[in-house]
Amino acid sequence: MIRVLFFISMTVVVFLASCLTSNVQAQQQSPAIADIQADPNRYVGLIVTLSGTVGQYVDLNEFLLSDGTGQIVTDSGPPWFRRINIPVGTPVTVIGQIDWMGPRGQRTGVDLDACRIETPTETIAIRDCSFSGPPPWAGGPRRNRP
């Protein structure tokens, strides 16, 4: 009886894990930046993979990613949490979520909230894209870290 219950519980765990993985993969797309800018409502909230080069920094930890079709602001979280310093001109692949910029009613376009940035020499993990809760820096710089 214990073996049967164990088998059933393991089957359920494997099934649920595969559903979660499939959901994240089904949402992930690799559009051109121009496509995102042309129809932002279609992409907001989706996890995308974009490849291009690092352009100028528009703020600490925020740079323009260019793929030859357009540019998008890439936000890698607050610098107090983890400072990102990828040289301008570096080729990168960024996995992240498309999000509106600006408060409601004053939208200024969309940006890419980075989850992972891959350069030719390193992979920078910023947050877990499959987790729908608050980012790891929620609570500010003075919160207790694990």
Protein backbone atom coordinates (compact mmCIF):
# COMPACT_ATOMS: atom_id res chain seq x y z
CA MET A 1 0.00 0.00 0.00
CA ILE A 2 2.83 2.40 0.85
CA ARG A 3 4.50 1.66 -2.49
CA VAL A 4 1.27 2.40 -4.35
CA LEU A 5 0.82 5.73 -2.53
CA PHE A 6 4.45 6.62 -3.16
CA PHE A 7 4.08 5.81 -6.87
CA ILE A 8 0.90 7.87 -7.15
CA SER A 9 2.40 10.85 -5.33
CA MET A 10 5.55 10.76 -7.49
CA THR A 11 3.43 10.56 -10.64
CA VAL A 12 1.47 13.62 -9.53
CA VAL A 13 4.68 15.55 -8.74
CA VAL A 14 6.20 14.73 -12.15
CA PHE A 15 2.96 15.68 -13.90
CA LEU A 16 2.72 19.04 -12.11
CA ALA A 17 6.37 19.81 -12.77
CA SER A 18 5.94 19.09 -16.46
CA CYS A 19 2.86 21.34 -16.58
CA LEU A 20 4.77 24.23 -15.04
CA THR A 21 7.72 23.76 -17.37
CA SER A 22 5.44 23.51 -20.41
CA ASN A 23 3.60 26.67 -19.39
CA VAL A 24 6.82 28.71 -19.17
CA GLN A 25 8.11 27.30 -22.46
CA ALA A 26 4.77 27.89 -24.19
CA GLN A 27 4.84 31.54 -23.13
CA GLN A 28 8.45 32.09 -24.19
CA GLN A 29 8.90 33.66 -27.62
CA SER A 30 11.77 35.10 -29.64
CA PRO A 31 10.28 38.08 -31.51
CA ALA A 32 12.17 40.93 -33.12
CA ILE A 33 12.24 44.13 -31.07
CA ALA A 34 10.40 45.92 -33.90
CA ASP A 35 7.54 43.41 -33.55
CA ILE A 36 7.29 44.12 -29.82
CA GLN A 37 7.25 47.88 -30.39
CA ALA A 38 4.68 47.60 -33.20
CA ASP A 39 2.20 45.64 -31.06
CA PRO A 40 3.20 45.93 -27.38
CA ASN A 41 -0.17 44.72 -26.06
CA ARG A 42 0.51 41.33 -27.67
CA TYR A 43 3.77 40.89 -25.74
CA VAL A 44 3.23 42.55 -22.34
CA GLY A 45 3.51 39.90 -19.64
CA LEU A 46 5.18 37.34 -21.91
CA ILE A 47 8.60 35.86 -21.37
CA VAL A 48 10.79 36.46 -24.42
CA THR A 49 14.32 35.73 -25.55
CA LEU A 50 15.99 38.63 -27.35
CA SER A 51 19.49 38.66 -28.83
CA GLY A 52 21.42 41.74 -29.81
CA THR A 53 24.11 44.10 -28.57
CA VAL A 54 24.32 46.30 -25.51
CA GLY A 55 23.84 49.93 -26.47
CA GLN A 56 24.14 52.96 -24.25
CA TYR A 57 23.15 52.81 -20.60
CA VAL A 58 20.05 54.89 -19.87
CA ASP A 59 20.37 54.43 -16.10
CA LEU A 60 22.31 52.24 -13.69
CA ASN A 61 21.50 48.64 -14.63
CA GLU A 62 19.33 49.74 -17.58
CA PHE A 63 20.68 49.61 -21.11
CA LEU A 64 19.36 49.74 -24.65
CA LEU A 65 19.36 46.34 -26.34
CA SER A 66 19.56 46.58 -30.13
CA ASP A 67 18.79 43.68 -32.47
CA GLY A 68 19.03 45.49 -35.81
CA THR A 69 15.26 46.01 -36.02
CA GLY A 70 14.93 48.33 -33.03
CA GLN A 71 15.97 49.05 -29.46
CA ILE A 72 14.37 48.23 -26.12
CA VAL A 73 15.27 49.32 -22.61
CA THR A 74 16.52 46.30 -20.67
CA ASP A 75 16.09 46.57 -16.89
CA SER A 76 18.27 44.27 -14.79
CA GLY A 77 16.96 45.29 -11.38
CA PRO A 78 18.18 47.86 -8.87
CA PRO A 79 21.96 48.37 -8.70
CA TRP A 80 21.98 47.98 -4.92
CA PHE A 81 20.76 44.40 -5.38
CA ARG A 82 23.29 43.42 -8.04
CA ARG A 83 25.34 45.77 -10.20
CA ILE A 84 25.39 44.84 -13.90
CA ASN A 85 28.28 46.25 -15.91
CA ILE A 86 28.32 44.77 -19.40
CA PRO A 87 30.42 46.83 -21.81
CA VAL A 88 28.64 48.70 -24.60
CA GLY A 89 28.84 46.72 -27.85
CA THR A 90 28.83 43.31 -26.15
CA PRO A 91 26.63 40.72 -27.85
CA VAL A 92 24.04 39.34 -25.41
CA THR A 93 21.00 37.12 -25.21
CA VAL A 94 18.44 38.28 -22.67
CA ILE A 95 15.57 36.22 -21.32
CA GLY A 96 12.99 38.39 -19.61
CA GLN A 97 9.44 39.63 -19.39
CA ILE A 98 7.99 42.47 -21.43
CA ASP A 99 6.50 45.11 -19.15
CA TRP A 100 4.98 48.58 -19.47
CA MET A 101 7.17 51.56 -18.58
CA GLY A 102 5.64 54.37 -16.57
CA PRO A 103 2.60 54.52 -14.29
CA ARG A 104 -0.91 53.71 -15.52
CA GLY A 105 -2.26 56.47 -17.71
CA GLN A 106 1.25 57.70 -18.49
CA ARG A 107 2.72 54.73 -20.34
CA THR A 108 5.87 55.55 -22.26
CA GLY A 109 6.31 52.22 -24.03
CA VAL A 110 7.57 48.82 -22.95
CA ASP A 111 10.80 47.51 -21.53
CA LEU A 112 12.37 44.12 -20.95
CA ASP A 113 12.65 43.07 -17.29
CA ALA A 114 15.66 40.78 -17.49
CA CYS A 115 15.68 37.39 -15.78
CA ARG A 116 18.94 36.14 -17.28
CA ILE A 117 21.59 37.78 -19.44
CA GLU A 118 24.04 35.65 -21.39
CA THR A 119 27.26 37.23 -22.69
CA PRO A 120 30.09 35.46 -24.52
CA THR A 121 31.93 35.08 -21.19
CA GLU A 122 29.26 34.74 -18.48
CA THR A 123 25.65 34.08 -17.62
CA ILE A 124 24.10 36.54 -15.18
CA ALA A 125 21.10 35.18 -13.30
CA ILE A 126 18.92 38.03 -12.05
CA ARG A 127 15.59 36.44 -11.08
CA ASP A 128 13.46 33.40 -11.81
CA CYS A 129 11.17 34.11 -14.79
CA SER A 130 8.88 31.22 -13.92
CA PHE A 131 8.10 32.69 -10.48
CA SER A 132 5.11 35.06 -10.60
CA GLY A 133 5.65 36.63 -7.18
CA PRO A 134 7.66 39.70 -6.25
CA PRO A 135 11.28 39.98 -7.44
CA PRO A 136 14.07 39.05 -5.02
CA TRP A 137 14.78 42.71 -4.29
CA ALA A 138 11.23 43.43 -3.07
CA GLY A 139 11.30 45.13 0.29
CA GLY A 140 14.20 47.43 -0.52
CA PRO A 141 17.90 47.45 0.26
CA ARG A 142 17.48 47.30 4.05
CA ARG A 143 15.41 44.11 4.15
CA ASN A 144 16.88 40.94 5.57
CA ARG A 145 18.45 38.80 2.88
CA PRO A 146 18.49 35.01 3.12
